[in-house]
């Protein structure tokens, strides 16, 4: 008889570590671009009272494709005994559940809508079967991006993008906020009307929402600001003639993040702008004055900085800040821009000046 009290062997993971419990090895983080995993002891019978969790993590901006080669778990109408759960994202949120499976019918192929997918295998203390084997790989592009800020690139960027590719990214912020999309690099096949290779942007999560514009060629698109908390970015290439593609950053907040290009006289402050962002936190975060001198490429910025210039970032009320810097040109009179993202209930000031 099936009792209510069951002792479970739980296989946990932390980063890349796998916990061994009573000799059962299972679960872990799958961070390679592709790979395989299976139930414990496969193709033999899986053990009783076992729970394993796998977390597939691919490059942000990509999605994970999951397929099953074999599937055989104890059957129950509601899969209450032995089962496999698949989540679009982290398993802590049951709203991410894609499906719960048991029996001998393989689950369908799944593609995550963002770069994380979770799989949980569970067996009780009665009736073991052969289990399952599965394969995953990083899908070429697309997905749902939900962070305060992030980066999107065309497939294989900065190398030439492939022919006959189509990618769709949904940028989803919290309700009552807006999204700003900033292109840092753009090079695609050019033609009048942008009918061959292009990037299209929609003011909402679907192609049925307002079409903001199509872009192609070598001219960087202007900054785009949504009117809602969702934005759709579509990349499409045809069967020949490619290019480097694009790189773009997105930022979300209750008002657009500042990204202000400006010209200025030599050896003077060429960018100085104060702005207020009132998003995503309460009133009790206090920050500090931070000065950062940038002489070359670092994790916090992209682009080439003219030697002898520095960036001063003054962030008050700082929490979870992501800063991206892009400087266009190599002379003091050239255009420059600083983008600050994730400033929570704070005042921020940025300046670019000669040293």
Protein backbone atom coordinates (compact mmCIF):
# COMPACT_ATOMS: atom_id res chain seq x y z
CA UNK A 1 0.00 0.00 0.00
CA UNK A 2 1.11 3.55 -0.67
CA UNK A 3 1.62 5.42 2.59
CA UNK A 4 1.46 9.12 3.19
CA UNK A 5 4.89 9.20 4.85
CA UNK A 6 7.75 8.90 2.43
CA UNK A 7 11.45 9.53 2.86
CA UNK A 8 12.94 11.28 -0.15
CA UNK A 9 16.49 11.40 -1.40
CA UNK A 10 16.83 14.96 -2.62
CA UNK A 11 19.64 15.84 -5.00
CA UNK A 12 20.49 19.52 -4.69
CA UNK A 13 22.90 21.66 -6.66
CA UNK A 14 24.80 24.83 -5.95
CA UNK A 15 26.46 26.41 -8.99
CA UNK A 16 28.20 23.35 -10.47
CA UNK A 17 28.18 21.10 -7.42
CA UNK A 18 26.13 17.92 -7.20
CA UNK A 19 25.11 16.41 -3.87
CA UNK A 20 25.52 12.67 -3.40
CA UNK A 21 22.85 11.23 -1.12
CA UNK A 22 22.76 7.54 -0.19
CA UNK A 23 24.80 6.76 -3.30
CA UNK A 24 22.38 8.38 -5.74
CA UNK A 25 23.87 10.96 -8.09
CA UNK A 26 21.43 13.20 -9.87
CA UNK A 27 20.67 16.76 -10.83
CA UNK A 28 22.97 19.66 -11.50
CA UNK A 29 23.53 22.74 -13.61
CA UNK A 30 23.81 22.12 -17.36
CA UNK A 31 25.61 25.17 -18.72
CA UNK A 32 27.23 23.82 -21.91
CA UNK A 33 25.68 24.84 -25.26
CA UNK A 34 24.35 21.29 -25.62
CA UNK A 35 24.31 18.01 -23.73
CA UNK A 36 22.42 14.98 -22.46
CA UNK A 37 21.05 13.87 -19.09
CA UNK A 38 18.94 10.99 -17.78
CA UNK A 39 17.23 9.55 -14.73
CA UNK A 40 19.52 7.79 -12.21
CA UNK A 41 20.72 4.31 -13.33
CA UNK A 42 19.31 4.75 -16.86
CA UNK A 43 18.82 2.47 -18.81
CA UNK A 44 18.32 0.41 -15.66
CA UNK A 45 15.46 0.95 -13.22
CA UNK A 46 15.54 4.26 -11.40
CA UNK A 47 15.75 4.12 -7.56
CA UNK A 48 12.82 4.63 -5.20
CA UNK A 49 12.24 7.82 -3.22
CA UNK A 50 14.40 10.02 -5.36
CA UNK A 51 14.11 13.62 -6.46
CA UNK A 52 16.51 15.26 -8.91
CA UNK A 53 16.58 18.79 -10.28
CA UNK A 54 18.43 19.88 -13.41
CA UNK A 55 18.84 23.53 -14.35
CA UNK A 56 19.63 24.23 -18.00
CA UNK A 57 21.28 27.63 -18.41
CA UNK A 58 22.19 28.95 -21.84
CA UNK A 59 23.43 32.34 -23.00
CA UNK A 60 21.11 35.19 -22.07
CA UNK A 61 19.14 36.20 -25.14
CA UNK A 62 18.99 32.56 -26.29
CA UNK A 63 16.52 29.81 -25.46
CA UNK A 64 16.92 26.11 -24.60
CA UNK A 65 15.52 23.33 -26.81
CA UNK A 66 14.64 20.12 -24.90
CA UNK A 67 13.92 16.75 -26.57
CA UNK A 68 13.39 13.23 -25.18
CA UNK A 69 14.99 10.08 -26.61
CA UNK A 70 13.32 7.65 -24.19
CA UNK A 71 10.56 7.98 -21.59
CA UNK A 72 9.12 5.32 -19.24
CA UNK A 73 7.80 6.31 -15.80
CA UNK A 74 5.16 4.66 -13.62
CA UNK A 75 1.75 5.69 -14.98
CA UNK A 76 -1.01 7.45 -13.05
CA UNK A 77 -3.91 9.51 -14.43
CA UNK A 78 -2.66 12.65 -12.68
CA UNK A 79 1.02 11.62 -12.50
CA UNK A 80 0.88 11.64 -8.69
CA UNK A 81 3.48 8.91 -8.04
CA UNK A 82 6.49 9.10 -10.36
CA UNK A 83 6.71 12.12 -12.64
CA UNK A 84 8.81 14.61 -14.55
CA UNK A 85 8.08 18.34 -14.30
CA UNK A 86 9.38 20.84 -16.86
CA UNK A 87 9.55 24.56 -16.10
CA UNK A 88 10.10 27.57 -18.31
CA UNK A 89 12.56 29.23 -15.93
CA UNK A 90 13.04 28.39 -12.26
CA UNK A 91 11.02 25.67 -10.56
CA UNK A 92 10.27 27.80 -7.48
CA UNK A 93 7.47 29.48 -9.45
CA UNK A 94 4.67 27.04 -10.31
CA UNK A 95 3.44 29.61 -12.82
CA UNK A 96 6.43 28.60 -14.94
CA UNK A 97 5.28 24.96 -15.19
CA UNK A 98 5.14 23.75 -18.80
CA UNK A 99 3.93 20.25 -17.99
CA UNK A 100 3.95 17.22 -15.68
CA UNK A 101 4.55 13.83 -17.34
CA UNK A 102 4.49 10.11 -16.57
CA UNK A 103 3.79 6.82 -18.36
CA UNK A 104 5.39 5.69 -21.62
CA UNK A 105 4.50 8.59 -23.92
CA UNK A 106 7.41 10.98 -24.38
CA UNK A 107 6.78 14.65 -23.63
CA UNK A 108 6.75 16.89 -26.70
CA UNK A 109 9.73 18.99 -27.69
CA UNK A 110 9.98 22.14 -25.58
CA UNK A 111 11.65 25.47 -26.30
CA UNK A 112 12.05 27.80 -23.34
CA UNK A 113 10.93 31.39 -23.73
CA UNK A 114 14.09 32.59 -22.01
CA UNK A 115 17.58 31.27 -21.20
CA UNK A 116 16.73 29.06 -18.19
CA UNK A 117 14.79 25.79 -18.02
CA UNK A 118 14.26 23.54 -14.96
CA UNK A 119 13.49 19.81 -14.95
CA UNK A 120 12.46 17.87 -11.83
CA UNK A 121 12.35 14.05 -11.69
CA UNK A 122 10.48 12.45 -8.77
CA UNK A 123 9.92 8.82 -7.80
CA UNK A 124 8.02 7.44 -4.81
CA UNK A 125 8.73 4.22 -2.87
CA UNK A 126 6.73 1.86 -5.09
CA UNK A 127 7.12 0.63 -8.68
CA UNK A 128 10.24 1.65 -10.58
CA UNK A 129 10.59 1.85 -14.36
CA UNK A 130 13.40 2.50 -16.81
CA UNK A 131 13.15 6.28 -16.60
CA UNK A 132 14.12 8.76 -19.30
CA UNK A 133 16.95 10.16 -21.35
CA UNK A 134 16.87 13.67 -22.78
CA UNK A 135 18.98 16.04 -24.83
CA UNK A 136 19.13 19.81 -24.82
CA UNK A 137 20.85 22.48 -26.86
CA UNK A 138 21.00 26.23 -27.02
CA UNK A 139 18.49 27.41 -29.58
CA UNK A 140 19.85 29.88 -32.07
CA UNK A 141 18.17 32.97 -30.65
CA UNK A 142 15.08 34.54 -29.15
CA UNK A 143 13.25 34.27 -25.86
CA UNK A 144 11.69 36.39 -23.13
CA UNK A 145 13.99 38.83 -21.31
CA UNK A 146 12.75 39.97 -17.91
CA UNK A 147 15.68 41.68 -16.21
CA UNK A 148 15.92 45.37 -15.38
CA UNK A 149 18.52 45.60 -18.11
CA UNK A 150 20.31 43.33 -20.54
CA UNK A 151 21.95 42.86 -23.89
CA UNK A 152 20.63 41.34 -27.13
CA UNK A 153 22.78 40.32 -30.09
CA UNK A 154 22.09 38.75 -33.47
CA UNK A 155 23.17 35.09 -33.86
CA UNK A 156 26.97 34.60 -33.94
CA UNK A 157 27.64 38.31 -33.32
CA UNK A 158 30.18 39.85 -33.98
CA UNK A 159 30.69 37.31 -36.76
CA UNK A 160 28.29 37.35 -39.71
CA UNK A 161 24.79 36.16 -38.86
CA UNK A 162 23.51 32.98 -40.57
CA UNK A 163 21.17 32.90 -43.56
CA UNK A 164 17.48 32.09 -43.18
CA UNK A 165 17.36 32.98 -39.48
CA UNK A 166 14.43 34.41 -37.59
CA UNK A 167 14.60 35.39 -33.93
CA UNK A 168 12.05 36.99 -31.63
CA UNK A 169 12.85 38.55 -28.28
CA UNK A 170 10.10 39.75 -25.95
CA UNK A 171 11.43 42.28 -23.45
CA UNK A 172 9.11 42.22 -20.46
CA UNK A 173 9.40 44.70 -17.61
CA UNK A 174 7.21 45.04 -14.53
CA UNK A 175 3.74 46.53 -15.10
CA UNK A 176 3.44 50.32 -15.24
CA UNK A 177 7.01 50.70 -16.50
CA UNK A 178 8.50 51.41 -19.91
CA UNK A 179 11.46 50.03 -21.85
CA UNK A 180 14.26 51.81 -23.65
CA UNK A 181 16.17 50.01 -26.41
CA UNK A 182 19.60 51.35 -27.38
CA UNK A 183 21.57 49.96 -30.35
CA UNK A 184 25.34 49.91 -29.82
CA UNK A 185 26.26 48.33 -33.17
CA UNK A 186 24.33 47.66 -36.38
CA UNK A 187 25.43 46.22 -39.75
CA UNK A 188 22.99 44.33 -41.98
CA UNK A 189 22.24 43.87 -45.66
CA UNK A 190 20.84 47.12 -47.02
CA UNK A 191 17.98 47.57 -49.47
CA UNK A 192 15.20 50.06 -49.95
CA UNK A 193 12.24 49.02 -47.85
CA UNK A 194 14.34 46.64 -45.67
CA UNK A 195 12.61 43.57 -47.11
CA UNK A 196 15.54 41.12 -47.04
CA UNK A 197 17.48 41.28 -43.75
CA UNK A 198 16.02 43.49 -41.06
CA UNK A 199 15.25 44.22 -37.43
CA UNK A 200 11.64 45.12 -36.62
CA UNK A 201 10.40 46.54 -33.33
CA UNK A 202 6.82 46.35 -32.02
CA UNK A 203 5.25 48.28 -29.16
CA UNK A 204 4.01 45.19 -27.35
CA UNK A 205 4.70 41.43 -27.13
CA UNK A 206 3.30 40.36 -30.54
CA UNK A 207 3.59 41.29 -34.20
CA UNK A 208 -0.05 42.34 -33.99
CA UNK A 209 0.93 45.27 -31.78
CA UNK A 210 1.92 48.67 -33.15
CA UNK A 211 4.82 48.35 -35.59
CA UNK A 212 7.36 50.98 -34.55
CA UNK A 213 9.83 50.54 -37.40
CA UNK A 214 11.99 48.34 -39.66
CA UNK A 215 15.78 48.77 -39.80
CA UNK A 216 18.51 47.50 -42.11
CA UNK A 217 21.83 48.68 -43.57
CA UNK A 218 24.75 50.17 -41.67
CA UNK A 219 23.09 53.09 -39.91
CA UNK A 220 22.49 52.54 -36.22
CA UNK A 221 18.77 52.83 -35.37
CA UNK A 222 17.66 55.61 -33.02
CA UNK A 223 16.87 54.87 -29.39
CA UNK A 224 13.41 53.36 -28.99
CA UNK A 225 11.09 53.86 -26.01
CA UNK A 226 8.01 51.69 -25.53
CA UNK A 227 4.65 52.97 -24.36
CA UNK A 228 4.01 49.83 -22.27
CA UNK A 229 6.01 47.33 -20.23
CA UNK A 230 6.56 44.96 -23.19
CA UNK A 231 8.52 45.30 -26.41
CA UNK A 232 9.04 42.80 -29.25
CA UNK A 233 12.29 42.74 -31.25
CA UNK A 234 12.33 40.61 -34.43
CA UNK A 235 15.47 39.74 -36.41
CA UNK A 236 15.12 38.22 -39.89
CA UNK A 237 17.68 37.23 -42.54
CA UNK A 238 17.10 35.86 -46.04
CA UNK A 239 19.04 33.25 -48.04
CA UNK A 240 22.11 35.32 -49.00
CA UNK A 241 24.21 38.40 -48.21
CA UNK A 242 24.75 38.88 -44.50
CA UNK A 243 26.55 41.19 -42.14
CA UNK A 244 27.85 41.53 -38.63
CA UNK A 245 24.35 41.98 -37.28
CA UNK A 246 23.57 44.03 -34.20
CA UNK A 247 24.15 44.53 -30.51
CA UNK A 248 21.58 46.34 -28.39
CA UNK A 249 20.99 47.10 -24.72
CA UNK A 250 17.62 47.41 -23.04
CA UNK A 251 16.71 49.23 -19.84
CA UNK A 252 13.42 49.39 -17.96
CA UNK A 253 12.01 51.82 -15.44
CA UNK A 254 9.18 54.22 -14.73
CA UNK A 255 10.81 56.74 -17.00
CA UNK A 256 13.31 56.26 -19.80
CA UNK A 257 16.91 55.76 -18.76
CA UNK A 258 19.09 58.64 -19.91
CA UNK A 259 21.36 58.04 -22.86
CA UNK A 260 22.33 61.52 -23.97
CA UNK A 261 24.71 62.08 -26.90
CA UNK A 262 26.22 65.52 -26.92
CA UNK A 263 29.12 67.46 -28.43
CA UNK A 264 31.37 69.69 -26.36
CA UNK A 265 34.47 71.84 -26.46
CA UNK A 266 37.86 70.27 -25.87
CA UNK A 267 38.95 69.49 -22.30
CA UNK A 268 35.59 70.38 -20.83
CA UNK A 269 32.82 68.20 -19.52
CA UNK A 270 31.20 66.87 -22.67
CA UNK A 271 28.39 65.01 -20.98
CA UNK A 272 26.64 66.14 -17.83
CA UNK A 273 23.04 65.28 -17.07
CA UNK A 274 21.04 64.65 -13.92
CA UNK A 275 17.90 62.55 -13.98
CA UNK A 276 15.59 60.86 -11.54
CA UNK A 277 14.36 57.28 -11.74
CA UNK A 278 11.64 56.23 -9.29
CA UNK A 279 11.34 52.54 -10.06
CA UNK A 280 11.46 49.20 -8.31
CA UNK A 281 12.25 50.00 -4.70
CA UNK A 282 11.21 51.71 -1.52
CA UNK A 283 12.49 54.95 -0.03
CA UNK A 284 15.08 53.57 2.37
CA UNK A 285 18.04 52.80 0.13
CA UNK A 286 21.03 55.03 0.79
CA UNK A 287 24.06 55.07 -1.40
CA UNK A 288 27.49 56.56 -1.69
CA UNK A 289 29.55 58.71 -3.98
CA UNK A 290 31.40 56.54 -6.46
CA UNK A 291 34.18 57.70 -8.75
CA UNK A 292 35.32 55.38 -11.51
CA UNK A 293 38.19 56.03 -13.88
CA UNK A 294 38.06 54.03 -17.11
CA UNK A 295 41.11 53.73 -19.34
CA UNK A 296 40.17 50.73 -21.44
CA UNK A 297 37.55 48.03 -21.82
CA UNK A 298 36.05 46.76 -18.59
CA UNK A 299 33.01 44.76 -17.66
CA UNK A 300 31.00 47.90 -17.05
CA UNK A 301 31.22 49.47 -20.49
CA UNK A 302 31.58 48.80 -24.18
CA UNK A 303 33.33 50.74 -26.87
CA UNK A 304 36.71 52.43 -27.17
CA UNK A 305 37.51 55.30 -24.86
CA UNK A 306 39.91 57.98 -26.07
CA UNK A 307 43.04 57.90 -23.89
CA UNK A 308 43.11 60.73 -21.42
CA UNK A 309 39.38 60.76 -20.76
CA UNK A 310 37.62 59.46 -17.72
CA UNK A 311 34.09 58.75 -16.58
CA UNK A 312 32.72 60.01 -13.29
CA UNK A 313 29.64 58.18 -12.05
CA UNK A 314 27.90 59.66 -9.02
CA UNK A 315 25.17 57.30 -7.86
CA UNK A 316 23.09 58.10 -4.81
CA UNK A 317 20.77 55.50 -3.30
CA UNK A 318 22.52 52.73 -5.18
CA UNK A 319 21.15 49.22 -5.56
CA UNK A 320 21.70 46.59 -8.28
CA UNK A 321 23.14 49.07 -10.75
CA UNK A 322 24.26 48.06 -14.22
CA UNK A 323 26.26 50.69 -16.10
CA UNK A 324 27.05 50.62 -19.78
CA UNK A 325 29.28 53.19 -21.48
CA UNK A 326 29.63 53.79 -25.18
CA UNK A 327 31.89 56.44 -26.68
CA UNK A 328 31.72 57.09 -30.41
CA UNK A 329 34.82 58.59 -31.97
CA UNK A 330 38.28 59.49 -30.75
CA UNK A 331 38.23 63.27 -30.40
CA UNK A 332 36.84 65.53 -27.66
CA UNK A 333 34.33 67.02 -30.09
CA UNK A 334 32.91 63.63 -31.05
CA UNK A 335 29.63 62.33 -29.71
CA UNK A 336 29.53 60.39 -26.48
CA UNK A 337 26.85 58.73 -24.42
CA UNK A 338 26.54 57.17 -21.01
CA UNK A 339 23.68 54.82 -20.17
CA UNK A 340 22.79 54.06 -16.57
CA UNK A 341 20.44 51.20 -15.82
CA UNK A 342 18.77 49.81 -12.73
CA UNK A 343 19.02 52.94 -10.62
CA UNK A 344 16.42 52.34 -7.92
CA UNK A 345 14.74 55.35 -6.33
CA UNK A 346 17.85 57.44 -6.71
CA UNK A 347 19.34 60.52 -8.25
CA UNK A 348 22.17 59.85 -10.68
CA UNK A 349 24.74 62.04 -12.35
CA UNK A 350 27.21 61.07 -15.07
CA UNK A 351 29.96 63.08 -16.70
CA UNK A 352 32.69 62.41 -19.22
CA UNK A 353 35.65 64.73 -18.98
CA UNK A 354 39.31 65.14 -19.88
CA UNK A 355 41.96 64.21 -17.33
